[in-house]
Amino acid sequence: MTIRHIRIFEAVCDAGCNTTRAAEALHMTQPAVSLAIAELESYYGILLFDRIARRLHLTEAGREFLDYARRITLTFDDMEKTVRSWESKGILRVGASVSVGAKLMPELVARFREHAPDLRVKVKIDRSDRLEEALAAGEADLALIEGIAHDANLLVEDFMEDRLALIASPKAVKPGEIVTRAAFSEMEFLLRERGSGTREIFESTLAAASLPLPDPAWESLSTAALMNAAEAGLGTAVVPRRMAEEMIDSGRVAEFFVEGLTFTRTYKIVWHRDKRFTRAARDFIALCRSWGREASGGTDNRKDN
C-alpha cells in the first residue's frame, strides 16, 4: 500500500464513487484505477465499496478509511511543502569566534537576511577550539574563525585578511610609535584567553620571532574589557584592528608597532569535510567570499586544510 493507492481511493470518492471520472481526473485508465482499489481491499482484507447494480457505494469501512486517507494525504502534502521549502525557510547554524561575532557577524547576517528573509540564522559565538568541536559534532553547519583550524577533518577557506592591533594609553606610547623588541617584551600585556584565535596568532608570531611568550597581566573572554583596560593605562592590549578602530580614531588609545613584527591574521570559513551543504549554506559562504573580496580589494585566497 502506497500514498498513490490512497490518492486514487480519494479521487474515486471525490468523483462520486465513479472510477471512470476518477481515472480522467488522474489521467489514468479506468482499469488501473479499479486495480488500485482492489489492491487496497486485498491488502487490508476489507471491502471499501459495495458493488450494486454496476455502481459503487462506500461501505462503513470505506467511510472510516476515507477519514484516515484525508488526514494522511493532508499531512503528507504539508510535509512535502515544508521539506521542499526548507532551504528558504529552514535554519542555518553558523558559528563565529568572539572577534568575528562581535564585528563581522551582525553585518553578515543582516545582509544575508535581505537575500533569505524567511531563513532563520542561528549564531553560536565561542572560542575557535569550541567551534571546531561543534562542527565535529554536527551542531553547526559552518563557522567563521580567525585562528588556526586543528582538526584534520575540517576544510578551511580563507576569505578576508585583517591584523591585530597593539594599543595602549596615549600616556604610555605615542600614536604610530615603533618600539624595539626589547622594550615590547618588557610591557604588561592584556590578552584574550588561551584557545582564542587572537591569542594563538599573537603567540605564534612571537614564537616565530624567537621572542618569549608573556605572562599576561589580564586574560579575558571580552575584547572590550581589554580595550578599556588599555585605555585606563593598565597595559598593552592585543586586539583585532577592526574592533579597536573607533577608540584609536578618537584618541582614547594609541596604536603602536614593534620593529620587524606584523601580527596579521586571516578570517577563515571552516566546515566538516563530510558536511552536505544546503543551498542556504552555499549562499552564506558566497556572501562571505564577496565580503572578503570587497574588504581586501579583490583578492580571493582559498585553501583546504
Protein backbone atom coordinates (compact mmCIF):
# COMPACT_ATOMS: atom_id res chain seq x y z
CA MET A 1 0.00 0.00 0.00
CA THR A 2 1.40 3.40 -1.02
CA ILE A 3 0.39 7.05 -0.92
CA ARG A 4 -0.55 6.55 -4.59
CA HIS A 5 -3.19 3.99 -3.63
CA ILE A 6 -4.63 6.38 -1.05
CA ARG A 7 -4.79 9.25 -3.53
CA ILE A 8 -6.59 7.03 -6.06
CA PHE A 9 -9.10 5.98 -3.41
CA GLU A 10 -9.72 9.64 -2.52
CA ALA A 11 -10.15 10.54 -6.17
CA VAL A 12 -12.78 7.81 -6.62
CA CYS A 13 -14.68 9.10 -3.57
CA ASP A 14 -14.41 12.70 -4.79
CA ALA A 15 -15.78 11.60 -8.19
CA GLY A 16 -18.98 10.29 -6.62
CA CYS A 17 -17.63 6.74 -6.34
CA ASN A 18 -17.12 6.70 -10.10
CA THR A 19 -13.89 5.05 -11.31
CA THR A 20 -14.24 6.41 -14.85
CA ARG A 21 -14.41 10.05 -13.74
CA ALA A 22 -11.62 9.44 -11.21
CA ALA A 23 -9.43 7.97 -13.96
CA GLU A 24 -10.00 11.06 -16.10
CA ALA A 25 -9.09 13.38 -13.22
CA LEU A 26 -5.93 11.38 -12.50
CA HIS A 27 -5.01 10.93 -16.17
CA MET A 28 -5.09 7.16 -15.71
CA THR A 29 -7.01 4.34 -17.33
CA GLN A 30 -10.16 3.08 -15.64
CA PRO A 31 -8.78 -0.49 -15.23
CA ALA A 32 -5.69 0.92 -13.47
CA VAL A 33 -7.92 2.78 -11.00
CA SER A 34 -10.03 -0.32 -10.36
CA LEU A 35 -6.87 -2.39 -9.85
CA ALA A 36 -5.54 0.07 -7.23
CA ILE A 37 -8.84 -0.13 -5.30
CA ALA A 38 -8.77 -3.93 -5.47
CA GLU A 39 -5.17 -3.93 -4.17
CA LEU A 40 -6.18 -1.75 -1.22
CA GLU A 41 -9.08 -4.04 -0.35
CA SER A 42 -6.86 -7.12 -0.66
CA TYR A 43 -4.09 -5.56 1.46
CA TYR A 44 -6.42 -4.69 4.36
CA GLY A 45 -8.86 -7.54 3.88
CA ILE A 46 -11.91 -5.27 3.78
CA LEU A 47 -14.47 -4.02 1.27
CA LEU A 48 -14.20 -0.28 0.65
CA PHE A 49 -17.11 -0.23 -1.80
CA ASP A 50 -20.25 -2.24 -2.33
CA ARG A 51 -20.87 -3.05 -5.99
CA ILE A 52 -24.65 -2.69 -6.52
CA ALA A 53 -26.19 -2.55 -9.98
CA ARG A 54 -22.79 -1.80 -11.53
CA ARG A 55 -22.34 1.22 -9.22
CA LEU A 56 -20.00 1.74 -6.26
CA HIS A 57 -21.22 2.70 -2.81
CA LEU A 58 -18.89 3.42 0.15
CA THR A 59 -19.14 0.83 2.88
CA GLU A 60 -18.88 1.73 6.56
CA ALA A 61 -15.26 0.56 6.46
CA GLY A 62 -14.77 2.71 3.35
CA ARG A 63 -16.06 5.83 5.10
CA GLU A 64 -13.72 5.25 8.03
CA PHE A 65 -10.85 4.58 5.64
CA LEU A 66 -11.63 7.84 3.81
CA ASP A 67 -11.33 9.76 7.07
CA TYR A 68 -7.85 8.32 7.62
CA ALA A 69 -6.96 8.91 3.96
CA ARG A 70 -7.85 12.61 4.21
CA ARG A 71 -5.63 13.06 7.25
CA ILE A 72 -2.77 11.08 5.71
CA THR A 73 -2.70 13.00 2.43
CA LEU A 74 -3.07 16.33 4.25
CA THR A 75 -0.08 15.51 6.46
CA PHE A 76 1.91 14.18 3.53
CA ASP A 77 1.24 17.29 1.43
CA ASP A 78 2.23 19.51 4.36
CA MET A 79 5.47 17.55 4.74
CA GLU A 80 6.19 17.87 1.01
CA LYS A 81 5.62 21.62 1.10
CA THR A 82 7.73 22.12 4.22
CA VAL A 83 10.65 19.95 3.14
CA ARG A 84 10.78 21.39 -0.37
CA SER A 85 10.90 24.93 1.04
CA TRP A 86 13.32 24.02 3.84
CA GLU A 87 16.28 25.76 2.24
CA SER A 88 14.38 29.03 2.05
CA LYS A 89 12.50 28.70 5.36
CA GLY A 90 14.74 26.42 7.42
CA ILE A 91 17.60 27.00 9.84
CA LEU A 92 21.24 27.78 9.09
CA ARG A 93 23.58 27.21 12.07
CA VAL A 94 26.69 29.37 11.91
CA GLY A 95 29.50 29.52 14.45
CA ALA A 96 31.70 32.57 14.94
CA SER A 97 34.77 33.19 17.03
CA VAL A 98 34.41 36.03 19.51
CA SER A 99 36.17 38.62 17.35
CA VAL A 100 34.24 37.69 14.21
CA GLY A 101 30.99 37.53 16.15
CA ALA A 102 31.41 40.98 17.63
CA LYS A 103 32.18 42.91 14.46
CA LEU A 104 31.53 40.99 11.26
CA MET A 105 28.74 38.54 12.04
CA PRO A 106 25.99 41.10 12.73
CA GLU A 107 26.66 42.77 9.38
CA LEU A 108 26.90 39.46 7.50
CA VAL A 109 23.66 38.09 8.96
CA ALA A 110 21.83 41.37 8.32
CA ARG A 111 22.91 41.32 4.68
CA PHE A 112 22.06 37.62 4.35
CA ARG A 113 18.54 38.24 5.67
CA GLU A 114 17.97 40.57 2.74
CA HIS A 115 18.67 37.60 0.47
CA ALA A 116 16.76 34.97 2.51
CA PRO A 117 14.24 36.74 4.78
CA ASP A 118 12.38 33.55 5.74
CA LEU A 119 15.50 31.63 6.76
CA ARG A 120 16.41 31.55 10.45
CA VAL A 121 20.13 32.01 11.11
CA LYS A 122 21.24 30.67 14.49
CA VAL A 123 24.62 32.04 15.55
CA LYS A 124 26.88 30.49 18.17
CA ILE A 125 29.74 32.75 19.32
CA ASP A 126 32.53 30.93 21.11
CA ARG A 127 36.24 30.20 21.11
CA SER A 128 37.67 28.75 17.91
CA ASP A 129 38.52 25.42 19.53
CA ARG A 130 34.97 25.00 20.81
CA LEU A 131 33.57 25.82 17.41
CA GLU A 132 35.70 23.02 15.96
CA GLU A 133 34.06 20.67 18.45
CA ALA A 134 30.60 21.91 17.41
CA LEU A 135 31.40 21.27 13.74
CA ALA A 136 32.67 17.78 14.51
CA ALA A 137 29.51 17.01 16.50
CA GLY A 138 27.22 18.29 13.73
CA GLU A 139 25.96 21.12 15.95
CA ALA A 140 26.96 23.81 13.42
CA ASP A 141 26.85 23.87 9.62
CA LEU A 142 29.90 26.10 9.25
CA ALA A 143 31.95 28.57 11.28
CA LEU A 144 33.93 31.76 10.79
CA ILE A 145 37.13 31.91 12.80
CA GLU A 146 40.35 33.87 12.85
CA GLY A 147 42.54 31.22 14.43
CA ILE A 148 44.15 28.06 13.13
CA ALA A 149 41.93 25.04 12.49
CA HIS A 150 43.46 21.97 14.12
CA ASP A 151 41.03 19.19 13.19
CA ALA A 152 42.21 17.41 10.03
CA ASN A 153 38.58 16.66 9.14
CA LEU A 154 37.81 20.34 8.69
CA LEU A 155 38.06 22.10 5.35
CA VAL A 156 39.35 25.65 5.57
CA GLU A 157 38.93 28.57 3.21
CA ASP A 158 40.49 31.99 3.77
CA PHE A 159 38.06 34.78 2.99
CA MET A 160 39.44 38.01 4.45
CA GLU A 161 42.67 39.40 5.86
CA ASP A 162 43.00 41.56 8.93
CA ARG A 163 45.62 42.28 11.56
CA LEU A 164 45.90 42.57 15.28
CA ALA A 165 46.50 45.98 16.79
CA LEU A 166 48.72 46.78 19.75
CA ILE A 167 47.02 49.51 21.77
CA ALA A 168 47.88 51.30 24.99
CA SER A 169 47.12 54.53 26.78
CA PRO A 170 48.34 57.64 24.90
CA LYS A 171 50.22 58.43 28.13
CA ALA A 172 52.30 55.26 27.68
CA VAL A 173 53.06 55.37 23.93
CA LYS A 174 52.69 57.81 21.08
CA PRO A 175 50.27 57.02 18.25
CA GLY A 176 52.19 55.29 15.46
CA GLU A 177 55.32 54.86 17.57
CA ILE A 178 57.65 51.99 16.66
CA VAL A 179 59.14 50.37 19.76
CA THR A 180 62.07 47.99 20.00
CA ARG A 181 61.52 44.29 20.54
CA ALA A 182 63.30 44.53 23.87
CA ALA A 183 61.00 47.33 25.07
CA PHE A 184 57.98 45.42 23.81
CA SER A 185 58.97 42.30 25.76
CA GLU A 186 59.02 44.31 29.00
CA MET A 187 55.43 45.51 28.68
CA GLU A 188 52.42 44.36 30.67
CA PHE A 189 50.03 42.53 28.35
CA LEU A 190 46.26 42.35 28.29
CA LEU A 191 45.37 39.23 26.29
CA ARG A 192 42.47 37.10 25.24
CA GLU A 193 42.16 33.67 26.88
CA ARG A 194 44.06 30.62 25.66
CA GLY A 195 42.22 28.80 22.89
CA SER A 196 41.10 32.02 21.23
CA GLY A 197 42.27 32.74 17.70
CA THR A 198 43.62 36.16 18.69
CA ARG A 199 45.81 34.70 21.44
CA GLU A 200 47.04 31.93 19.18
CA ILE A 201 48.10 34.33 16.39
CA PHE A 202 49.83 36.65 18.85
CA GLU A 203 51.83 33.85 20.46
CA SER A 204 52.70 32.15 17.16
CA THR A 205 54.05 35.46 15.82
CA LEU A 206 56.23 35.90 18.92
CA ALA A 207 57.46 32.31 18.70
CA ALA A 208 58.41 32.76 15.02
CA ALA A 209 60.44 35.84 16.02
CA SER A 210 62.11 33.94 18.91
CA LEU A 211 60.56 36.27 21.47
CA PRO A 212 59.42 34.98 24.88
CA LEU A 213 55.74 34.43 25.45
CA PRO A 214 54.48 36.87 28.10
CA ASP A 215 52.71 36.08 31.33
CA PRO A 216 49.69 38.36 30.82
CA ALA A 217 48.54 40.79 33.47
CA TRP A 218 44.98 40.30 32.21
CA GLU A 219 43.29 37.41 30.46
CA SER A 220 39.71 37.92 29.29
CA LEU A 221 36.98 36.50 27.10
CA SER A 222 35.98 40.08 26.37
CA THR A 223 37.89 42.17 23.84
CA ALA A 224 36.02 45.25 25.05
CA ALA A 225 37.31 44.68 28.59
CA LEU A 226 40.89 44.53 27.30
CA MET A 227 40.49 47.74 25.30
CA ASN A 228 39.03 49.56 28.31
CA ALA A 229 41.90 48.32 30.47
CA ALA A 230 44.39 49.61 27.89
CA GLU A 231 42.65 52.99 27.87
CA ALA A 232 42.96 53.07 31.66
CA GLY A 233 46.74 52.62 31.37
CA LEU A 234 46.86 49.06 32.70
CA GLY A 235 48.94 47.65 29.88
CA THR A 236 49.10 46.79 26.19
CA ALA A 237 46.06 45.11 24.69
CA VAL A 238 46.34 42.87 21.64
CA VAL A 239 43.03 43.09 19.83
CA PRO A 240 41.57 42.89 16.31
CA ARG A 241 42.23 46.17 14.49
CA ARG A 242 38.66 46.42 13.24
CA MET A 243 37.30 46.28 16.79
CA ALA A 244 39.65 48.98 18.04
CA GLU A 245 39.18 51.45 15.16
CA GLU A 246 36.77 53.75 16.96
CA MET A 247 38.94 54.02 20.09
CA ILE A 248 42.07 54.56 18.00
CA ASP A 249 40.48 57.21 15.77
CA SER A 250 39.06 59.07 18.76
CA GLY A 251 42.45 59.10 20.51
CA ARG A 252 41.23 57.18 23.53
CA VAL A 253 44.02 54.67 22.92
CA ALA A 254 47.19 54.83 20.85
CA GLU A 255 48.11 52.16 18.33
CA PHE A 256 51.82 51.43 18.16
CA PHE A 257 54.09 48.97 16.34
CA VAL A 258 57.07 46.74 17.03
CA GLU A 259 60.14 46.79 14.85
CA GLY A 260 60.07 43.89 12.39
CA LEU A 261 56.79 42.39 13.63
CA THR A 262 53.40 42.27 11.95
CA PHE A 263 50.51 40.50 13.62
CA THR A 264 48.49 39.59 10.54
CA ARG A 265 45.59 37.20 10.61
CA THR A 266 43.16 35.71 8.15
CA TYR A 267 39.48 35.12 8.74
CA LYS A 268 38.52 31.61 7.72
CA ILE A 269 35.39 29.72 6.77
CA VAL A 270 35.55 26.19 8.18
CA TRP A 271 33.25 23.21 7.82
CA HIS A 272 33.44 19.46 8.25
CA ARG A 273 34.57 17.62 5.13
CA ASP A 274 31.59 15.25 5.41
CA LYS A 275 29.05 18.05 5.69
CA ARG A 276 26.47 18.16 2.92
CA PHE A 277 25.63 21.79 2.30
CA THR A 278 22.17 23.18 1.72
CA ARG A 279 21.70 25.95 -0.79
CA ALA A 280 21.41 28.37 2.14
CA ALA A 281 24.86 27.36 3.44
CA ARG A 282 26.37 27.74 -0.02
CA ASP A 283 24.78 31.18 -0.37
CA PHE A 284 26.11 32.27 3.03
CA ILE A 285 29.63 31.17 2.08
CA ALA A 286 29.31 33.05 -1.22
CA LEU A 287 28.35 36.16 0.76
CA CYS A 288 31.43 35.77 2.97
CA ARG A 289 33.66 35.43 -0.12
CA SER A 290 32.14 38.54 -1.66
CA TRP A 291 32.51 40.45 1.60
CA GLY A 292 36.15 39.39 1.84
CA ARG A 293 36.93 40.48 -1.72
CA GLU A 294 35.39 43.88 -1.04
CA ALA A 295 37.41 44.30 2.16
CA SER A 296 40.73 43.17 0.65
CA GLY A 297 40.45 44.89 -2.70
CA GLY A 298 39.50 41.92 -4.86
CA THR A 299 41.89 39.21 -3.66
CA ASP A 300 40.47 35.73 -3.11
CA ASN A 301 42.62 33.32 -1.19
CA ARG A 302 41.40 29.74 -0.76
CA LYS A 303 42.91 26.55 0.57
CA ASP A 304 41.94 23.27 2.13
CA ASN A 305 43.40 22.28 5.44
